[in-house]
Amino acid sequence: MGRKRKGRDISGWLVVDKPAGMTSTAVVNKVRWAMDAKKAGHAGTLDPEATGVLAVALGEATKTVTYITDALKAYTFTVRLGQATNTDDAEGEVIAQSDARPSDDDIKQALTQFLGDIMQVPPKFSAVKIDGQRAYKLARDGEEVELSARPLWVEELILVDRPDEDHVVLEMTCGKGGYVRSIARDLGAALGCHGHVKVLRRVWSGPFEVDDGLSIEQIDEMAKTTALDDYLHPLETGLADLPELKCTPEGATRLRNGNPGMVLASDVEYGDEAWASLDGKAVAVGIYKSGELHPSRVFVQAV
């Protein structure tokens, strides 16, 4: 028999304003410790030097992580023009330089080629797996890393500031799996001047905004007290992009047991993914079929 995991049965989302110099995993571990939670995870890794929204899921909310990971996200980032690095950010070694500096108009024109459905090659120093190994580990060992291009939806990419001729500040809204470092690298290549990310901040992720985020210092101050509970967003926040279907107590019982359960009439179409609720609490996520929800995820939380 496996050991029973220690900690509180607490479910919900805590939004953290991640500081630079801390890994996403370290943030999750800090939150789990501070809230004495049994289980925690995060929706969308940020590079160690990146800052901003890191949504930490606790307890049953970890079952909704994929819906936040798949949601749109927005970033503000500074690109250093004139230099390429082996990591595509300021932490790496400079591998190429150029004296060329494009005009603002040139930059705005180049940005248009990164809008909509694009194909993007991840940075060599990334967590993408190659034959079971992380690309960054292979790159650190000096091995040649070849990564395949991946699809990415970029909804918006605009120039918001030009502090000096060496730097541009951009804002981007994109879908799942986007690498801001790749955008900076490819933009520099398109402009013929090289480029890498100098500063990166995620300002929102799905329903979560950076203004709602707690700092690590605030989390430390409230650690091991119930004060942090007041900052929890409900589990249901992670389901905001799915339609909600109300169910009866009988239907909820069937759903919690993993069986199809009756839901009330709705304009949800046959075969759509939706979530069922009872008294405002999520019961299950599943596929709607002829008045019933066929569950794929079931939530066990207090009503």
C-alpha atoms as a PDB file:
ATOM      1  CA  MET A   1       0.000   0.000   0.000  1.00  0.00           C
ATOM      2  CA  GLY A   2       1.378   3.395  -0.997  1.00  0.00           C
ATOM      3  CA  ARG A   3       1.986   6.059   1.623  1.00  0.00           C
ATOM      4  CA  LYS A   4      -0.840   8.525   2.139  1.00  0.00           C
ATOM      5  CA  ARG A   5       0.162  11.962   0.885  1.00  0.00           C
ATOM      6  CA  LYS A   6       0.346  14.506   3.684  1.00  0.00           C
ATOM      7  CA  GLY A   7      -1.297  17.900   3.563  1.00  0.00           C
ATOM      8  CA  ARG A   8      -4.675  19.569   3.222  1.00  0.00           C
ATOM      9  CA  ASP A   9      -7.376  18.607   0.764  1.00  0.00           C
ATOM     10  CA  ILE A  10      -7.621  22.082  -0.739  1.00  0.00           C
ATOM     11  CA  SER A  11      -8.660  22.832  -4.319  1.00  0.00           C
ATOM     12  CA  GLY A  12      -8.451  25.977  -6.409  1.00  0.00           C
ATOM     13  CA  TRP A  13      -6.043  28.281  -8.234  1.00  0.00           C
ATOM     14  CA  LEU A  14      -3.428  30.608  -6.773  1.00  0.00           C
ATOM     15  CA  VAL A  15      -2.013  33.188  -9.178  1.00  0.00           C
ATOM     16  CA  VAL A  16       1.655  33.975  -8.579  1.00  0.00           C
ATOM     17  CA  ASP A  17       3.649  36.862 -10.027  1.00  0.00           C
ATOM     18  CA  LYS A  18       6.769  34.782 -10.618  1.00  0.00           C
ATOM     19  CA  PRO A  19      10.052  36.581 -10.006  1.00  0.00           C
ATOM     20  CA  ALA A  20      13.138  36.333 -12.191  1.00  0.00           C
ATOM     21  CA  GLY A  21      15.676  33.716 -11.175  1.00  0.00           C
ATOM     22  CA  MET A  22      13.177  31.126  -9.975  1.00  0.00           C
ATOM     23  CA  THR A  23      11.972  28.068 -11.866  1.00  0.00           C
ATOM     24  CA  SER A  24       8.274  27.358 -12.332  1.00  0.00           C
ATOM     25  CA  THR A  25       8.709  24.100 -10.417  1.00  0.00           C
ATOM     26  CA  ALA A  26      10.245  25.971  -7.490  1.00  0.00           C
ATOM     27  CA  VAL A  27       7.227  28.303  -7.414  1.00  0.00           C
ATOM     28  CA  VAL A  28       4.832  25.332  -7.312  1.00  0.00           C
ATOM     29  CA  ASN A  29       6.821  23.747  -4.485  1.00  0.00           C
ATOM     30  CA  LYS A  30       6.752  27.035  -2.565  1.00  0.00           C
ATOM     31  CA  VAL A  31       2.968  27.322  -2.916  1.00  0.00           C
ATOM     32  CA  ARG A  32       2.379  23.686  -1.965  1.00  0.00           C
ATOM     33  CA  TRP A  33       4.539  24.158   1.156  1.00  0.00           C
ATOM     34  CA  ALA A  34       2.987  27.510   2.099  1.00  0.00           C
ATOM     35  CA  MET A  35      -0.572  26.194   1.773  1.00  0.00           C
ATOM     36  CA  ASP A  36       0.208  22.717   3.119  1.00  0.00           C
ATOM     37  CA  ALA A  37      -1.527  21.308   0.039  1.00  0.00           C
ATOM     38  CA  LYS A  38      -1.500  17.640  -0.869  1.00  0.00           C
ATOM     39  CA  LYS A  39      -1.231  18.234  -4.585  1.00  0.00           C
ATOM     40  CA  ALA A  40      -0.164  21.127  -6.839  1.00  0.00           C
ATOM     41  CA  GLY A  41       0.830  21.817 -10.437  1.00  0.00           C
ATOM     42  CA  HIS A  42       1.098  24.746 -12.826  1.00  0.00           C
ATOM     43  CA  ALA A  43      -0.348  25.760 -16.173  1.00  0.00           C
ATOM     44  CA  GLY A  44       2.395  26.780 -18.591  1.00  0.00           C
ATOM     45  CA  THR A  45       6.103  26.880 -17.752  1.00  0.00           C
ATOM     46  CA  LEU A  46       7.941  30.203 -17.623  1.00  0.00           C
ATOM     47  CA  ASP A  47      11.702  30.337 -18.199  1.00  0.00           C
ATOM     48  CA  PRO A  48      13.661  30.935 -14.954  1.00  0.00           C
ATOM     49  CA  GLU A  49      14.490  34.556 -15.881  1.00  0.00           C
ATOM     50  CA  ALA A  50      10.931  35.334 -17.055  1.00  0.00           C
ATOM     51  CA  THR A  51       8.426  36.985 -14.729  1.00  0.00           C
ATOM     52  CA  GLY A  52       4.660  37.304 -14.488  1.00  0.00           C
ATOM     53  CA  VAL A  53       1.598  35.102 -14.319  1.00  0.00           C
ATOM     54  CA  LEU A  54       2.132  31.545 -13.170  1.00  0.00           C
ATOM     55  CA  ALA A  55      -1.201  29.931 -12.339  1.00  0.00           C
ATOM     56  CA  VAL A  56      -0.734  27.236  -9.684  1.00  0.00           C
ATOM     57  CA  ALA A  57      -3.445  24.579  -9.456  1.00  0.00           C
ATOM     58  CA  LEU A  58      -4.155  22.914  -6.124  1.00  0.00           C
ATOM     59  CA  GLY A  59      -5.944  19.642  -5.451  1.00  0.00           C
ATOM     60  CA  GLU A  60      -8.817  18.902  -7.817  1.00  0.00           C
ATOM     61  CA  ALA A  61      -7.957  22.006  -9.881  1.00  0.00           C
ATOM     62  CA  THR A  62      -4.956  20.097 -11.259  1.00  0.00           C
ATOM     63  CA  LYS A  63      -7.494  18.204 -13.390  1.00  0.00           C
ATOM     64  CA  THR A  64      -8.283  21.472 -15.220  1.00  0.00           C
ATOM     65  CA  VAL A  65      -4.669  22.483 -15.978  1.00  0.00           C
ATOM     66  CA  THR A  66      -4.923  21.537 -19.653  1.00  0.00           C
ATOM     67  CA  TYR A  67      -7.708  24.080 -20.207  1.00  0.00           C
ATOM     68  CA  ILE A  68      -5.478  26.924 -18.987  1.00  0.00           C
ATOM     69  CA  THR A  69      -2.459  25.578 -20.868  1.00  0.00           C
ATOM     70  CA  ASP A  70      -4.526  25.566 -24.069  1.00  0.00           C
ATOM     71  CA  ALA A  71      -5.893  29.098 -23.509  1.00  0.00           C
ATOM     72  CA  LEU A  72      -4.530  32.306 -25.024  1.00  0.00           C
ATOM     73  CA  LYS A  73      -1.692  34.046 -23.185  1.00  0.00           C
ATOM     74  CA  ALA A  74      -0.174  37.527 -23.434  1.00  0.00           C
ATOM     75  CA  TYR A  75       3.438  38.594 -23.048  1.00  0.00           C
ATOM     76  CA  THR A  76       5.407  41.830 -22.967  1.00  0.00           C
ATOM     77  CA  PHE A  77       9.037  41.367 -23.925  1.00  0.00           C
ATOM     78  CA  THR A  78      12.145  43.302 -24.890  1.00  0.00           C
ATOM     79  CA  VAL A  79      14.241  42.177 -27.852  1.00  0.00           C
ATOM     80  CA  ARG A  80      17.929  43.041 -27.986  1.00  0.00           C
ATOM     81  CA  LEU A  81      18.750  43.721 -31.628  1.00  0.00           C
ATOM     82  CA  GLY A  82      22.194  43.126 -33.123  1.00  0.00           C
ATOM     83  CA  GLN A  83      23.032  39.959 -31.205  1.00  0.00           C
ATOM     84  CA  ALA A  84      22.098  36.284 -31.438  1.00  0.00           C
ATOM     85  CA  THR A  85      22.740  33.954 -28.500  1.00  0.00           C
ATOM     86  CA  ASN A  86      22.849  30.170 -28.291  1.00  0.00           C
ATOM     87  CA  THR A  87      19.870  30.187 -25.887  1.00  0.00           C
ATOM     88  CA  ASP A  88      17.915  32.949 -27.700  1.00  0.00           C
ATOM     89  CA  ASP A  89      17.877  34.972 -24.477  1.00  0.00           C
ATOM     90  CA  ALA A  90      20.277  37.085 -22.426  1.00  0.00           C
ATOM     91  CA  GLU A  91      21.471  34.083 -20.394  1.00  0.00           C
ATOM     92  CA  GLY A  92      23.306  32.540 -23.343  1.00  0.00           C
ATOM     93  CA  GLU A  93      26.565  33.179 -25.165  1.00  0.00           C
ATOM     94  CA  VAL A  94      26.634  35.634 -28.057  1.00  0.00           C
ATOM     95  CA  ILE A  95      27.145  33.620 -31.238  1.00  0.00           C
ATOM     96  CA  ALA A  96      26.592  36.298 -33.900  1.00  0.00           C
ATOM     97  CA  GLN A  97      26.523  40.103 -34.094  1.00  0.00           C
ATOM     98  CA  SER A  98      25.485  42.772 -36.550  1.00  0.00           C
ATOM     99  CA  ASP A  99      25.768  46.556 -36.790  1.00  0.00           C
ATOM    100  CA  ALA A 100      22.543  46.766 -38.793  1.00  0.00           C
ATOM    101  CA  ARG A 101      19.600  48.411 -37.032  1.00  0.00           C
ATOM    102  CA  PRO A 102      16.171  48.368 -38.678  1.00  0.00           C
ATOM    103  CA  SER A 103      13.782  51.296 -38.557  1.00  0.00           C
ATOM    104  CA  ASP A 104      10.514  51.178 -36.635  1.00  0.00           C
ATOM    105  CA  ASP A 105       8.645  50.823 -39.917  1.00  0.00           C
ATOM    106  CA  ASP A 106      10.847  47.892 -40.922  1.00  0.00           C
ATOM    107  CA  ILE A 107      10.114  46.192 -37.611  1.00  0.00           C
ATOM    108  CA  LYS A 108       6.363  46.753 -37.868  1.00  0.00           C
ATOM    109  CA  GLN A 109       6.368  45.319 -41.380  1.00  0.00           C
ATOM    110  CA  ALA A 110       8.420  42.270 -40.323  1.00  0.00           C
ATOM    111  CA  LEU A 111       6.059  41.536 -37.433  1.00  0.00           C
ATOM    112  CA  THR A 112       3.198  40.841 -39.835  1.00  0.00           C
ATOM    113  CA  GLN A 113       4.829  37.593 -40.974  1.00  0.00           C
ATOM    114  CA  PHE A 114       4.498  36.217 -37.434  1.00  0.00           C
ATOM    115  CA  LEU A 115       0.723  36.661 -37.203  1.00  0.00           C
ATOM    116  CA  GLY A 116      -1.942  33.977 -37.541  1.00  0.00           C
ATOM    117  CA  ASP A 117      -1.062  30.323 -38.007  1.00  0.00           C
ATOM    118  CA  ILE A 118       2.721  30.048 -38.167  1.00  0.00           C
ATOM    119  CA  MET A 119       5.322  27.313 -37.848  1.00  0.00           C
ATOM    120  CA  GLN A 120       7.896  27.850 -35.120  1.00  0.00           C
ATOM    121  CA  VAL A 121      11.120  25.999 -34.282  1.00  0.00           C
ATOM    122  CA  PRO A 122      11.624  25.849 -30.479  1.00  0.00           C
ATOM    123  CA  PRO A 123      14.923  27.079 -29.016  1.00  0.00           C
ATOM    124  CA  LYS A 124      17.665  24.488 -28.762  1.00  0.00           C
ATOM    125  CA  PHE A 125      17.775  25.188 -25.040  1.00  0.00           C
ATOM    126  CA  SER A 126      14.194  24.123 -24.325  1.00  0.00           C
ATOM    127  CA  ALA A 127      12.363  21.283 -22.589  1.00  0.00           C
ATOM    128  CA  VAL A 128      11.316  19.669 -25.872  1.00  0.00           C
ATOM    129  CA  LYS A 129      12.178  15.965 -25.871  1.00  0.00           C
ATOM    130  CA  ILE A 130      14.401  14.343 -28.503  1.00  0.00           C
ATOM    131  CA  ASP A 131      14.514  10.551 -28.287  1.00  0.00           C
ATOM    132  CA  GLY A 132      13.430  10.766 -24.661  1.00  0.00           C
ATOM    133  CA  GLN A 133      15.940  13.433 -23.632  1.00  0.00           C
ATOM    134  CA  ARG A 134      15.397  17.143 -23.038  1.00  0.00           C
ATOM    135  CA  ALA A 135      16.824  19.334 -25.784  1.00  0.00           C
ATOM    136  CA  TYR A 136      18.542  21.644 -23.292  1.00  0.00           C
ATOM    137  CA  LYS A 137      20.451  18.740 -21.750  1.00  0.00           C
ATOM    138  CA  LEU A 138      21.721  17.659 -25.152  1.00  0.00           C
ATOM    139  CA  ALA A 139      22.644  21.248 -26.033  1.00  0.00           C
ATOM    140  CA  ARG A 140      24.537  21.695 -22.754  1.00  0.00           C
ATOM    141  CA  ASP A 141      26.501  18.532 -23.551  1.00  0.00           C
ATOM    142  CA  GLY A 142      27.566  20.094 -26.837  1.00  0.00           C
ATOM    143  CA  GLU A 143      25.476  17.804 -29.033  1.00  0.00           C
ATOM    144  CA  GLU A 144      23.910  19.119 -32.221  1.00  0.00           C
ATOM    145  CA  VAL A 145      20.213  19.650 -31.650  1.00  0.00           C
ATOM    146  CA  GLU A 146      17.738  19.616 -34.539  1.00  0.00           C
ATOM    147  CA  LEU A 147      14.166  20.464 -33.621  1.00  0.00           C
ATOM    148  CA  SER A 148      11.152  20.285 -35.899  1.00  0.00           C
ATOM    149  CA  ALA A 149       8.894  23.271 -36.486  1.00  0.00           C
ATOM    150  CA  ARG A 150       5.621  23.301 -34.582  1.00  0.00           C
ATOM    151  CA  PRO A 151       2.350  25.107 -35.283  1.00  0.00           C
ATOM    152  CA  LEU A 152       1.508  28.217 -33.264  1.00  0.00           C
ATOM    153  CA  TRP A 153      -1.409  30.645 -33.352  1.00  0.00           C
ATOM    154  CA  VAL A 154      -0.345  34.280 -32.883  1.00  0.00           C
ATOM    155  CA  GLU A 155      -3.338  36.538 -32.421  1.00  0.00           C
ATOM    156  CA  GLU A 156      -1.455  39.789 -31.932  1.00  0.00           C
ATOM    157  CA  LEU A 157       2.152  40.968 -32.125  1.00  0.00           C
ATOM    158  CA  ILE A 158       2.807  44.707 -31.926  1.00  0.00           C
ATOM    159  CA  LEU A 159       5.631  47.160 -31.355  1.00  0.00           C
ATOM    160  CA  VAL A 160       4.889  49.218 -28.230  1.00  0.00           C
ATOM    161  CA  ASP A 161       8.206  51.001 -27.565  1.00  0.00           C
ATOM    162  CA  ARG A 162      11.697  51.657 -28.942  1.00  0.00           C
ATOM    163  CA  PRO A 163      13.809  52.784 -25.955  1.00  0.00           C
ATOM    164  CA  ASP A 164      16.923  53.029 -28.154  1.00  0.00           C
ATOM    165  CA  GLU A 165      18.151  51.648 -31.447  1.00  0.00           C
ATOM    166  CA  ASP A 166      19.340  48.420 -29.812  1.00  0.00           C
ATOM    167  CA  HIS A 167      16.053  47.504 -28.119  1.00  0.00           C
ATOM    168  CA  VAL A 168      12.382  47.076 -29.018  1.00  0.00           C
ATOM    169  CA  VAL A 169       9.492  46.289 -26.693  1.00  0.00           C
ATOM    170  CA  LEU A 170       6.808  44.026 -28.116  1.00  0.00           C
ATOM    171  CA  GLU A 171       3.469  42.655 -26.958  1.00  0.00           C
ATOM    172  CA  MET A 172       2.220  39.262 -28.118  1.00  0.00           C
ATOM    173  CA  THR A 173      -0.962  37.280 -27.616  1.00  0.00           C
ATOM    174  CA  CYS A 174      -0.636  33.646 -28.669  1.00  0.00           C
ATOM    175  CA  GLY A 175      -1.932  30.140 -28.174  1.00  0.00           C
ATOM    176  CA  LYS A 176      -0.478  27.019 -26.648  1.00  0.00           C
ATOM    177  CA  GLY A 177       3.194  26.129 -27.046  1.00  0.00           C
ATOM    178  CA  GLY A 178       4.576  29.486 -28.113  1.00  0.00           C
ATOM    179  CA  TYR A 179       8.233  30.317 -27.478  1.00  0.00           C
ATOM    180  CA  VAL A 180       8.847  34.050 -27.155  1.00  0.00           C
ATOM    181  CA  ARG A 181      12.572  33.384 -27.524  1.00  0.00           C
ATOM    182  CA  SER A 182      11.924  31.899 -30.963  1.00  0.00           C
ATOM    183  CA  ILE A 183       9.933  34.971 -31.988  1.00  0.00           C
ATOM    184  CA  ALA A 184      12.856  37.214 -31.007  1.00  0.00           C
ATOM    185  CA  ARG A 185      15.363  34.980 -32.805  1.00  0.00           C
ATOM    186  CA  ASP A 186      13.292  34.715 -35.979  1.00  0.00           C
ATOM    187  CA  LEU A 187      12.435  38.412 -36.001  1.00  0.00           C
ATOM    188  CA  GLY A 188      16.125  39.257 -35.814  1.00  0.00           C
ATOM    189  CA  ALA A 189      16.806  36.900 -38.694  1.00  0.00           C
ATOM    190  CA  ALA A 190      13.981  38.383 -40.773  1.00  0.00           C
ATOM    191  CA  LEU A 191      15.381  41.887 -40.180  1.00  0.00           C
ATOM    192  CA  GLY A 192      18.930  40.794 -40.992  1.00  0.00           C
ATOM    193  CA  CYS A 193      20.311  42.019 -37.674  1.00  0.00           C
ATOM    194  CA  HIS A 194      19.968  39.068 -35.226  1.00  0.00           C
ATOM    195  CA  GLY A 195      18.053  39.285 -31.960  1.00  0.00           C
ATOM    196  CA  HIS A 196      17.353  37.676 -28.603  1.00  0.00           C
ATOM    197  CA  VAL A 197      15.004  38.162 -25.651  1.00  0.00           C
ATOM    198  CA  LYS A 198      16.367  40.417 -22.941  1.00  0.00           C
ATOM    199  CA  VAL A 199      13.282  40.763 -20.703  1.00  0.00           C
ATOM    200  CA  LEU A 200      10.101  38.653 -20.690  1.00  0.00           C
ATOM    201  CA  ARG A 201       6.910  39.040 -18.678  1.00  0.00           C
ATOM    202  CA  ARG A 202       3.622  37.130 -18.976  1.00  0.00           C
ATOM    203  CA  VAL A 203       0.815  39.581 -18.260  1.00  0.00           C
ATOM    204  CA  TRP A 204      -2.136  37.195 -18.458  1.00  0.00           C
ATOM    205  CA  SER A 205      -2.884  33.541 -19.043  1.00  0.00           C
ATOM    206  CA  GLY A 206      -6.447  32.516 -19.839  1.00  0.00           C
ATOM    207  CA  PRO A 207      -8.641  34.037 -17.097  1.00  0.00           C
ATOM    208  CA  PHE A 208      -5.694  34.914 -14.816  1.00  0.00           C
ATOM    209  CA  GLU A 209      -4.036  38.361 -14.833  1.00  0.00           C
ATOM    210  CA  VAL A 210      -0.765  39.536 -13.347  1.00  0.00           C
ATOM    211  CA  ASP A 211      -2.563  42.134 -11.200  1.00  0.00           C
ATOM    212  CA  ASP A 212      -4.141  39.193  -9.340  1.00  0.00           C
ATOM    213  CA  GLY A 213      -0.752  37.589  -8.695  1.00  0.00           C
ATOM    214  CA  LEU A 214       0.903  37.302  -5.306  1.00  0.00           C
ATOM    215  CA  SER A 215       4.625  37.886  -4.939  1.00  0.00           C
ATOM    216  CA  ILE A 216       6.867  35.249  -3.383  1.00  0.00           C
ATOM    217  CA  GLU A 217       7.385  37.647  -0.472  1.00  0.00           C
ATOM    218  CA  GLN A 218       3.626  37.830   0.142  1.00  0.00           C
ATOM    219  CA  ILE A 219       3.357  34.052   0.003  1.00  0.00           C
ATOM    220  CA  ASP A 220       6.183  33.744   2.552  1.00  0.00           C
ATOM    221  CA  GLU A 221       4.478  36.254   4.851  1.00  0.00           C
ATOM    222  CA  MET A 222       1.195  34.307   4.846  1.00  0.00           C
ATOM    223  CA  ALA A 223       2.722  30.826   4.682  1.00  0.00           C
ATOM    224  CA  LYS A 224       1.224  28.140   6.898  1.00  0.00           C
ATOM    225  CA  THR A 225      -1.818  30.300   7.697  1.00  0.00           C
ATOM    226  CA  THR A 226      -5.326  30.297   6.268  1.00  0.00           C
ATOM    227  CA  ALA A 227      -4.781  33.867   5.016  1.00  0.00           C
ATOM    228  CA  LEU A 228      -3.618  32.491   1.674  1.00  0.00           C
ATOM    229  CA  ASP A 229      -6.957  30.729   1.238  1.00  0.00           C
ATOM    230  CA  ASP A 230      -8.587  34.133   0.709  1.00  0.00           C
ATOM    231  CA  TYR A 231      -6.586  34.529  -2.536  1.00  0.00           C
ATOM    232  CA  LEU A 232      -7.675  31.214  -4.031  1.00  0.00           C
ATOM    233  CA  HIS A 233      -9.670  31.296  -7.248  1.00  0.00           C
ATOM    234  CA  PRO A 234     -12.236  28.490  -7.449  1.00  0.00           C
ATOM    235  CA  LEU A 235     -11.542  25.322  -9.404  1.00  0.00           C
ATOM    236  CA  GLU A 236     -14.301  26.364 -11.830  1.00  0.00           C
ATOM    237  CA  THR A 237     -12.191  29.320 -13.052  1.00  0.00           C
ATOM    238  CA  GLY A 238     -10.109  26.845 -15.019  1.00  0.00           C
ATOM    239  CA  LEU A 239     -13.221  25.762 -16.922  1.00  0.00           C
ATOM    240  CA  ALA A 240     -14.221  29.258 -18.055  1.00  0.00           C
ATOM    241  CA  ASP A 241     -13.812  28.440 -21.759  1.00  0.00           C
ATOM    242  CA  LEU A 242     -16.159  25.438 -21.578  1.00  0.00           C
ATOM    243  CA  PRO A 243     -19.976  25.630 -21.473  1.00  0.00           C
ATOM    244  CA  GLU A 244     -21.588  24.852 -18.133  1.00  0.00           C
ATOM    245  CA  LEU A 245     -24.443  22.372 -17.739  1.00  0.00           C
ATOM    246  CA  LYS A 246     -26.415  22.151 -14.516  1.00  0.00           C
ATOM    247  CA  CYS A 247     -27.273  18.713 -13.217  1.00  0.00           C
ATOM    248  CA  THR A 248     -29.612  17.211 -10.647  1.00  0.00           C
ATOM    249  CA  PRO A 249     -28.355  15.631  -7.408  1.00  0.00           C
ATOM    250  CA  GLU A 250     -29.088  12.226  -8.952  1.00  0.00           C
ATOM    251  CA  GLY A 251     -27.140  13.152 -12.066  1.00  0.00           C
ATOM    252  CA  ALA A 252     -24.244  14.401  -9.932  1.00  0.00           C
ATOM    253  CA  THR A 253     -24.096  11.094  -8.075  1.00  0.00           C
ATOM    254  CA  ARG A 254     -23.918   9.142 -11.305  1.00  0.00           C
ATOM    255  CA  LEU A 255     -21.224  11.464 -12.720  1.00  0.00           C
ATOM    256  CA  ARG A 256     -19.101  11.209  -9.572  1.00  0.00           C
ATOM    257  CA  ASN A 257     -19.223   7.442  -9.961  1.00  0.00           C
ATOM    258  CA  GLY A 258     -17.912   7.769 -13.515  1.00  0.00           C
ATOM    259  CA  ASN A 259     -21.237   7.094 -15.219  1.00  0.00           C
ATOM    260  CA  PRO A 260     -23.195   9.261 -17.680  1.00  0.00           C
ATOM    261  CA  GLY A 261     -25.418  11.669 -15.750  1.00  0.00           C
ATOM    262  CA  MET A 262     -28.486  13.652 -16.745  1.00  0.00           C
ATOM    263  CA  VAL A 263     -27.994  17.402 -17.244  1.00  0.00           C
ATOM    264  CA  LEU A 264     -30.574  20.141 -17.731  1.00  0.00           C
ATOM    265  CA  ALA A 265     -31.545  21.397 -21.191  1.00  0.00           C
ATOM    266  CA  SER A 266     -28.997  23.660 -22.870  1.00  0.00           C
ATOM    267  CA  ASP A 267     -27.918  24.945 -26.266  1.00  0.00           C
ATOM    268  CA  VAL A 268     -24.784  22.788 -26.070  1.00  0.00           C
ATOM    269  CA  GLU A 269     -24.554  20.630 -29.169  1.00  0.00           C
ATOM    270  CA  TYR A 270     -24.230  16.852 -29.294  1.00  0.00           C
ATOM    271  CA  GLY A 271     -20.562  15.858 -28.972  1.00  0.00           C
ATOM    272  CA  ASP A 272     -19.401  19.142 -27.408  1.00  0.00           C
ATOM    273  CA  GLU A 273     -17.158  19.150 -24.371  1.00  0.00           C
ATOM    274  CA  ALA A 274     -18.755  20.773 -21.317  1.00  0.00           C
ATOM    275  CA  TRP A 275     -18.762  20.677 -17.537  1.00  0.00           C
ATOM    276  CA  ALA A 276     -21.573  19.808 -15.177  1.00  0.00           C
ATOM    277  CA  SER A 277     -22.265  21.700 -11.964  1.00  0.00           C
ATOM    278  CA  LEU A 278     -24.396  21.251  -8.873  1.00  0.00           C
ATOM    279  CA  ASP A 279     -25.014  24.317  -6.709  1.00  0.00           C
ATOM    280  CA  GLY A 280     -22.233  26.122  -8.568  1.00  0.00           C
ATOM    281  CA  LYS A 281     -19.609  23.444  -7.900  1.00  0.00           C
ATOM    282  CA  ALA A 282     -17.969  21.510 -10.739  1.00  0.00           C
ATOM    283  CA  VAL A 283     -18.919  17.840 -10.727  1.00  0.00           C
ATOM    284  CA  ALA A 284     -17.361  16.564 -13.951  1.00  0.00           C
ATOM    285  CA  VAL A 285     -16.073  17.428 -17.418  1.00  0.00           C
ATOM    286  CA  GLY A 286     -17.139  15.307 -20.336  1.00  0.00           C
ATOM    287  CA  ILE A 287     -18.926  15.006 -23.658  1.00  0.00           C
ATOM    288  CA  TYR A 288     -22.568  16.015 -24.006  1.00  0.00           C
ATOM    289  CA  LYS A 289     -24.810  13.429 -25.635  1.00  0.00           C
ATOM    290  CA  SER A 290     -28.608  13.589 -25.777  1.00  0.00           C
ATOM    291  CA  GLY A 291     -29.322  15.110 -22.368  1.00  0.00           C
ATOM    292  CA  GLU A 292     -26.441  13.391 -20.590  1.00  0.00           C
ATOM    293  CA  LEU A 293     -22.833  14.225 -19.860  1.00  0.00           C
ATOM    294  CA  HIS A 294     -20.400  11.369 -20.386  1.00  0.00           C
ATOM    295  CA  PRO A 295     -17.590  12.149 -17.915  1.00  0.00           C
ATOM    296  CA  SER A 296     -13.875  12.191 -18.704  1.00  0.00           C
ATOM    297  CA  ARG A 297     -12.817  14.006 -15.514  1.00  0.00           C
ATOM    298  CA  VAL A 298     -14.628  13.792 -12.194  1.00  0.00           C
ATOM    299  CA  PHE A 299     -14.123  16.263  -9.337  1.00  0.00           C
ATOM    300  CA  VAL A 300     -14.287  15.392  -5.674  1.00  0.00           C
ATOM    301  CA  GLN A 301     -14.781  18.623  -3.757  1.00  0.00           C
ATOM    302  CA  ALA A 302     -16.910  19.869  -0.900  1.00  0.00           C
ATOM    303  CA  VAL A 303     -20.327  21.227  -1.848  1.00  0.00           C
END
